[in-house]
Amino acid sequence: MPFLNTGNLDVIEPLPGWHGRYFQSANMTFAHYEFTRGASIHEHFHPQEEVYEVVEGELEITIDGVSEVARPGVVAIVPANARHSVRALSDGKAIIVDYPLRNEIAKREAK
């Protein structure tokens, strides 16, 4: 799978206001999200490192109790097992990458 058209992937709403398209490479899981202002992701953690790259809009991302605003040009890197949460400050788009693979996302993609 050297090339993939993300526009052909099914859109899934895993949480209110988060509309994502998911795919995986051999070692990473990718989510292309469109989010709506006020949408949130509850505090959680997982063994994968996770990177948030905001393409449009703003997300307030809290990592181990420290909050910052991610926007185009500002990337948030969540270490493995770090508690984190997200709140959309505007409508927008983001790409989220997990390493290594997140199997629960792969199952979500397969539905």
C-alpha atoms as a PDB file:
ATOM      1  CA  MET A   1       0.000   0.000   0.000  1.00  0.00           C
ATOM      2  CA  PRO A   2       2.470   2.704  -1.057  1.00  0.00           C
ATOM      3  CA  PHE A   3      -0.339   5.157  -1.953  1.00  0.00           C
ATOM      4  CA  LEU A   4      -3.764   5.709  -0.408  1.00  0.00           C
ATOM      5  CA  ASN A   5      -6.473   8.237  -1.212  1.00  0.00           C
ATOM      6  CA  THR A   6      -7.784   9.258   2.224  1.00  0.00           C
ATOM      7  CA  GLY A   7     -10.875  10.757   0.567  1.00  0.00           C
ATOM      8  CA  ASN A   8     -12.005   7.212  -0.253  1.00  0.00           C
ATOM      9  CA  LEU A   9     -11.976   6.077   3.396  1.00  0.00           C
ATOM     10  CA  ASP A  10     -15.176   5.826   5.434  1.00  0.00           C
ATOM     11  CA  VAL A  11     -15.832   8.665   7.882  1.00  0.00           C
ATOM     12  CA  ILE A  12     -16.439   7.519  11.451  1.00  0.00           C
ATOM     13  CA  GLU A  13     -17.563   9.659  14.416  1.00  0.00           C
ATOM     14  CA  PRO A  14     -15.954   7.948  17.434  1.00  0.00           C
ATOM     15  CA  LEU A  15     -16.853  10.857  19.729  1.00  0.00           C
ATOM     16  CA  PRO A  16     -19.326  13.709  19.208  1.00  0.00           C
ATOM     17  CA  GLY A  17     -17.791  16.337  16.947  1.00  0.00           C
ATOM     18  CA  TRP A  18     -14.831  14.196  15.814  1.00  0.00           C
ATOM     19  CA  HIS A  19     -15.227  12.890  12.246  1.00  0.00           C
ATOM     20  CA  GLY A  20     -12.249  10.746  11.266  1.00  0.00           C
ATOM     21  CA  ARG A  21     -10.805   8.698   8.468  1.00  0.00           C
ATOM     22  CA  TYR A  22      -8.382   6.001   9.670  1.00  0.00           C
ATOM     23  CA  PHE A  23      -5.598   3.983   8.104  1.00  0.00           C
ATOM     24  CA  GLN A  24      -2.406   2.215   9.092  1.00  0.00           C
ATOM     25  CA  SER A  25       1.073   1.681   7.771  1.00  0.00           C
ATOM     26  CA  ALA A  26       3.132  -1.276   8.950  1.00  0.00           C
ATOM     27  CA  ASN A  27       4.061   0.536  12.195  1.00  0.00           C
ATOM     28  CA  MET A  28       1.827   3.598  12.635  1.00  0.00           C
ATOM     29  CA  THR A  29      -1.853   4.476  12.921  1.00  0.00           C
ATOM     30  CA  PHE A  30      -3.176   7.645  11.260  1.00  0.00           C
ATOM     31  CA  ALA A  31      -6.403   9.572  11.832  1.00  0.00           C
ATOM     32  CA  HIS A  32      -7.468  12.488   9.638  1.00  0.00           C
ATOM     33  CA  TYR A  33     -10.059  14.380  11.680  1.00  0.00           C
ATOM     34  CA  GLU A  34     -12.479  17.188  11.090  1.00  0.00           C
ATOM     35  CA  PHE A  35     -13.560  18.557  14.469  1.00  0.00           C
ATOM     36  CA  THR A  36     -16.227  21.008  15.617  1.00  0.00           C
ATOM     37  CA  ARG A  37     -15.846  23.766  18.171  1.00  0.00           C
ATOM     38  CA  GLY A  38     -16.510  22.466  21.676  1.00  0.00           C
ATOM     39  CA  ALA A  39     -15.829  18.818  20.821  1.00  0.00           C
ATOM     40  CA  SER A  40     -13.599  17.075  23.320  1.00  0.00           C
ATOM     41  CA  ILE A  41     -11.625  13.917  23.951  1.00  0.00           C
ATOM     42  CA  HIS A  42     -11.725  12.817  27.592  1.00  0.00           C
ATOM     43  CA  GLU A  43      -8.544  12.406  29.597  1.00  0.00           C
ATOM     44  CA  HIS A  44      -6.963   9.055  28.825  1.00  0.00           C
ATOM     45  CA  PHE A  45      -3.619   7.375  28.173  1.00  0.00           C
ATOM     46  CA  HIS A  46      -2.259   4.565  26.014  1.00  0.00           C
ATOM     47  CA  PRO A  47       1.098   2.897  25.428  1.00  0.00           C
ATOM     48  CA  GLN A  48       1.597   4.558  22.033  1.00  0.00           C
ATOM     49  CA  GLU A  49       3.294   7.894  21.443  1.00  0.00           C
ATOM     50  CA  GLU A  50       0.831  10.252  19.728  1.00  0.00           C
ATOM     51  CA  VAL A  51       1.406  13.357  17.603  1.00  0.00           C
ATOM     52  CA  TYR A  52      -1.286  15.983  16.900  1.00  0.00           C
ATOM     53  CA  GLU A  53      -0.759  18.169  13.859  1.00  0.00           C
ATOM     54  CA  VAL A  54      -3.483  20.782  13.459  1.00  0.00           C
ATOM     55  CA  VAL A  55      -4.072  21.686   9.814  1.00  0.00           C
ATOM     56  CA  GLU A  56      -6.885  24.213  10.427  1.00  0.00           C
ATOM     57  CA  GLY A  57      -8.307  25.684  13.634  1.00  0.00           C
ATOM     58  CA  GLU A  58      -7.178  25.328  17.231  1.00  0.00           C
ATOM     59  CA  LEU A  59      -7.112  22.531  19.796  1.00  0.00           C
ATOM     60  CA  GLU A  60      -6.354  22.939  23.477  1.00  0.00           C
ATOM     61  CA  ILE A  61      -4.329  19.868  24.364  1.00  0.00           C
ATOM     62  CA  THR A  62      -3.520  18.991  27.961  1.00  0.00           C
ATOM     63  CA  ILE A  63      -0.606  16.605  28.531  1.00  0.00           C
ATOM     64  CA  ASP A  64       0.115  15.495  32.104  1.00  0.00           C
ATOM     65  CA  GLY A  65      -1.726  18.558  33.447  1.00  0.00           C
ATOM     66  CA  VAL A  66      -0.077  21.136  31.162  1.00  0.00           C
ATOM     67  CA  SER A  67      -2.320  22.808  28.565  1.00  0.00           C
ATOM     68  CA  GLU A  68      -1.206  24.453  25.333  1.00  0.00           C
ATOM     69  CA  VAL A  69      -2.991  25.514  22.171  1.00  0.00           C
ATOM     70  CA  ALA A  70      -2.043  23.604  19.034  1.00  0.00           C
ATOM     71  CA  ARG A  71      -2.719  25.374  15.728  1.00  0.00           C
ATOM     72  CA  PRO A  72      -1.174  25.208  12.267  1.00  0.00           C
ATOM     73  CA  GLY A  73       2.573  25.213  12.827  1.00  0.00           C
ATOM     74  CA  VAL A  74       2.339  24.043  16.468  1.00  0.00           C
ATOM     75  CA  VAL A  75       2.522  20.264  16.946  1.00  0.00           C
ATOM     76  CA  ALA A  76       1.688  18.452  20.199  1.00  0.00           C
ATOM     77  CA  ILE A  77       3.704  15.339  21.006  1.00  0.00           C
ATOM     78  CA  VAL A  78       2.130  13.096  23.642  1.00  0.00           C
ATOM     79  CA  PRO A  79       4.628  10.647  25.157  1.00  0.00           C
ATOM     80  CA  ALA A  80       3.622   7.018  25.622  1.00  0.00           C
ATOM     81  CA  ASN A  81       1.451   6.510  28.736  1.00  0.00           C
ATOM     82  CA  ALA A  82       1.036  10.264  29.354  1.00  0.00           C
ATOM     83  CA  ARG A  83      -2.442  11.349  30.489  1.00  0.00           C
ATOM     84  CA  HIS A  84      -3.912  13.724  27.926  1.00  0.00           C
ATOM     85  CA  SER A  85      -7.163  15.334  26.825  1.00  0.00           C
ATOM     86  CA  VAL A  86      -8.253  17.578  23.959  1.00  0.00           C
ATOM     87  CA  ARG A  87     -10.787  20.390  23.534  1.00  0.00           C
ATOM     88  CA  ALA A  88     -11.608  22.009  20.188  1.00  0.00           C
ATOM     89  CA  LEU A  89     -11.477  25.806  20.463  1.00  0.00           C
ATOM     90  CA  SER A  90     -12.778  26.165  16.901  1.00  0.00           C
ATOM     91  CA  ASP A  91     -13.876  24.080  13.954  1.00  0.00           C
ATOM     92  CA  GLY A  92     -10.897  22.603  12.158  1.00  0.00           C
ATOM     93  CA  LYS A  93      -8.867  19.686  10.887  1.00  0.00           C
ATOM     94  CA  ALA A  94      -6.052  17.667  12.403  1.00  0.00           C
ATOM     95  CA  ILE A  95      -3.897  14.670  11.610  1.00  0.00           C
ATOM     96  CA  ILE A  96      -3.120  12.388  14.545  1.00  0.00           C
ATOM     97  CA  VAL A  97      -0.400   9.753  14.297  1.00  0.00           C
ATOM     98  CA  ASP A  98       0.247   6.952  16.795  1.00  0.00           C
ATOM     99  CA  TYR A  99       3.399   4.843  17.056  1.00  0.00           C
ATOM    100  CA  PRO A 100       3.406   1.918  17.306  1.00  0.00           C
ATOM    101  CA  LEU A 101       0.076   0.734  15.918  1.00  0.00           C
ATOM    102  CA  ARG A 102      -3.111   1.225  17.943  1.00  0.00           C
ATOM    103  CA  ASN A 103      -5.099  -1.962  17.448  1.00  0.00           C
ATOM    104  CA  GLU A 104      -8.350  -0.480  18.788  1.00  0.00           C
ATOM    105  CA  ILE A 105      -8.201   2.107  15.984  1.00  0.00           C
ATOM    106  CA  ALA A 106      -7.657  -0.662  13.444  1.00  0.00           C
ATOM    107  CA  LYS A 107     -10.801  -2.363  14.737  1.00  0.00           C
ATOM    108  CA  ARG A 108     -12.693   0.946  14.473  1.00  0.00           C
ATOM    109  CA  GLU A 109     -11.515   1.273  10.858  1.00  0.00           C
ATOM    110  CA  ALA A 110     -12.666  -2.246   9.997  1.00  0.00           C
ATOM    111  CA  LYS A 111     -16.291  -1.691  11.090  1.00  0.00           C
END
